[in-house]
């Protein structure tokens, strides 16, 4: 039998996503390419993002990632797939963990040049409620602050 197979839908799944969102913006004294590489290079991600915890990043559209993060006195497991990898412009991926109530959410990171620096805007949509959104806001804020040190 010669059946035609449809490609897997790589987009967001709004029906599975919650109503809450988080947006965090930071500026970096580095080129958009360098900041983008910090989010897409395996060694870089393992160092600053995963903090040498177990992780795997297949940074390509449709690629999967896993990262364990220590917090709340335990290892927290996060999974997702890359939806968009647009060099030095945007990176988008799904995000699933205990802190999304096991539901798929989506993170969009946009890179733009502003006043000679790279402005990074991270938007995390689809969080289950405002309590989890506040937790993610704190987490993302911390990661974006740590990225400053990594880029130097």
Protein backbone atom coordinates (compact mmCIF):
# COMPACT_ATOMS: atom_id res chain seq x y z
CA UNK A 1 0.00 0.00 0.00
CA UNK A 2 1.35 3.42 -0.96
CA UNK A 3 -0.32 5.79 1.51
CA UNK A 4 0.47 9.48 1.59
CA UNK A 5 1.59 10.51 5.07
CA UNK A 6 0.90 14.00 6.36
CA UNK A 7 3.67 15.76 8.28
CA UNK A 8 3.29 16.08 12.03
CA UNK A 9 1.91 19.47 12.99
CA UNK A 10 4.83 21.31 14.56
CA UNK A 11 2.79 24.29 15.81
CA UNK A 12 1.40 25.27 19.15
CA UNK A 13 -1.54 23.36 20.60
CA UNK A 14 -3.81 26.14 21.95
CA UNK A 15 -6.46 23.65 23.10
CA UNK A 16 -3.97 22.14 25.56
CA UNK A 17 -2.60 25.46 26.83
CA UNK A 18 -3.63 27.41 29.92
CA UNK A 19 -4.71 31.08 30.06
CA UNK A 20 -1.70 32.73 31.77
CA UNK A 21 1.43 34.31 30.27
CA UNK A 22 4.74 35.82 31.33
CA UNK A 23 6.90 38.35 29.46
CA UNK A 24 10.46 39.26 30.49
CA UNK A 25 12.81 41.57 28.56
CA UNK A 26 16.58 42.02 29.00
CA UNK A 27 19.31 43.84 27.09
CA UNK A 28 22.74 42.34 26.52
CA UNK A 29 26.00 43.97 25.43
CA UNK A 30 26.49 41.27 22.78
CA UNK A 31 25.40 40.68 19.20
CA UNK A 32 22.08 38.94 18.49
CA UNK A 33 24.09 36.08 16.98
CA UNK A 34 26.06 35.58 20.20
CA UNK A 35 22.95 35.72 22.40
CA UNK A 36 21.13 33.32 20.04
CA UNK A 37 24.09 30.89 20.18
CA UNK A 38 23.85 30.88 23.99
CA UNK A 39 20.32 29.44 23.54
CA UNK A 40 21.19 26.98 20.77
CA UNK A 41 24.72 25.66 21.40
CA UNK A 42 24.77 22.36 23.36
CA UNK A 43 27.82 23.19 25.49
CA UNK A 44 26.52 26.66 26.26
CA UNK A 45 23.07 25.39 27.26
CA UNK A 46 24.55 22.68 29.47
CA UNK A 47 26.65 25.27 31.32
CA UNK A 48 24.40 28.25 31.92
CA UNK A 49 20.89 26.88 31.44
CA UNK A 50 21.08 23.29 32.70
CA UNK A 51 23.86 24.09 35.19
CA UNK A 52 25.48 20.74 34.38
CA UNK A 53 22.34 18.77 35.30
CA UNK A 54 21.12 16.00 32.95
CA UNK A 55 20.02 17.50 29.64
CA UNK A 56 19.65 16.93 25.91
CA UNK A 57 18.99 19.60 23.28
CA UNK A 58 18.28 18.83 19.61
CA UNK A 59 17.98 22.45 18.51
CA UNK A 60 16.20 22.24 15.16
CA UNK A 61 12.57 22.64 14.18
CA UNK A 62 10.82 19.53 15.43
CA UNK A 63 13.80 18.60 17.63
CA UNK A 64 13.24 17.63 21.25
CA UNK A 65 14.84 18.77 24.48
CA UNK A 66 15.00 17.57 28.06
CA UNK A 67 16.51 19.40 30.99
CA UNK A 68 16.52 18.60 34.69
CA UNK A 69 16.63 21.64 36.97
CA UNK A 70 17.20 21.60 40.69
CA UNK A 71 14.63 23.62 42.64
CA UNK A 72 12.23 23.27 45.56
CA UNK A 73 14.67 20.71 47.05
CA UNK A 74 14.34 18.28 44.15
CA UNK A 75 15.18 17.67 40.52
CA UNK A 76 12.43 19.00 38.22
CA UNK A 77 12.11 17.54 34.74
CA UNK A 78 11.27 19.76 31.73
CA UNK A 79 10.53 18.57 28.21
CA UNK A 80 9.65 20.20 24.93
CA UNK A 81 10.09 20.45 21.19
CA UNK A 82 11.43 23.24 19.07
CA UNK A 83 8.77 24.96 16.97
CA UNK A 84 10.91 27.66 15.34
CA UNK A 85 14.66 28.18 15.06
CA UNK A 86 15.22 31.44 13.17
CA UNK A 87 18.88 32.36 13.60
CA UNK A 88 19.45 35.51 15.67
CA UNK A 89 15.78 36.50 15.34
CA UNK A 90 13.55 34.03 17.19
CA UNK A 91 13.54 30.74 19.03
CA UNK A 92 10.27 29.06 19.97
CA UNK A 93 9.69 25.82 21.85
CA UNK A 94 7.07 24.02 23.87
CA UNK A 95 7.61 23.64 27.61
CA UNK A 96 6.12 20.87 29.76
CA UNK A 97 6.84 20.18 33.41
CA UNK A 98 5.25 19.64 36.78
CA UNK A 99 5.11 23.45 36.96
CA UNK A 100 2.83 23.60 33.90
CA UNK A 101 0.56 20.96 35.48
CA UNK A 102 1.89 18.57 32.83
CA UNK A 103 0.27 20.66 30.08
CA UNK A 104 2.04 22.01 27.05
CA UNK A 105 2.96 25.69 27.15
CA UNK A 106 5.06 27.65 24.67
CA UNK A 107 8.10 29.90 25.01
CA UNK A 108 8.98 32.47 22.34
CA UNK A 109 12.34 34.24 22.56
CA UNK A 110 12.80 37.20 20.23
CA UNK A 111 16.12 38.94 19.55
CA UNK A 112 16.37 42.55 18.31
CA UNK A 113 19.05 45.22 18.11
CA UNK A 114 18.22 48.26 20.27
CA UNK A 115 20.68 51.07 20.96
CA UNK A 116 23.68 48.94 20.01
CA UNK A 117 22.67 46.06 22.30
CA UNK A 118 20.61 42.91 21.87
CA UNK A 119 17.17 43.14 23.37
CA UNK A 120 15.80 39.71 24.25
CA UNK A 121 12.09 39.35 24.89
CA UNK A 122 10.93 36.04 26.34
CA UNK A 123 7.20 35.34 26.27
CA UNK A 124 5.91 32.19 27.96
CA UNK A 125 2.27 31.52 26.99
CA UNK A 126 -0.16 28.81 28.05
CA UNK A 127 0.64 28.56 31.75
CA UNK A 128 -2.18 26.98 33.78
CA UNK A 129 -2.76 29.86 36.23
CA UNK A 130 -1.30 33.05 37.68
CA UNK A 131 0.45 31.19 40.52
CA UNK A 132 2.46 29.11 38.05
CA UNK A 133 2.99 32.20 35.88
CA UNK A 134 4.55 34.03 38.85
CA UNK A 135 6.87 31.06 39.51
CA UNK A 136 7.94 31.01 35.87
CA UNK A 137 8.44 34.79 35.84
CA UNK A 138 10.88 34.37 38.73
CA UNK A 139 12.65 31.48 37.04
CA UNK A 140 12.98 33.14 33.64
CA UNK A 141 14.12 36.40 35.26
CA UNK A 142 16.85 34.50 37.09
CA UNK A 143 17.98 32.68 33.93
CA UNK A 144 18.09 35.89 31.88
CA UNK A 145 20.13 37.57 34.62
CA UNK A 146 22.56 34.62 34.65
CA UNK A 147 22.90 34.86 30.88
CA UNK A 148 24.56 38.28 31.37
CA UNK A 149 27.45 36.57 33.18
CA UNK A 150 27.67 33.76 30.63
CA UNK A 151 27.99 36.21 27.72
CA UNK A 152 31.01 37.99 29.24
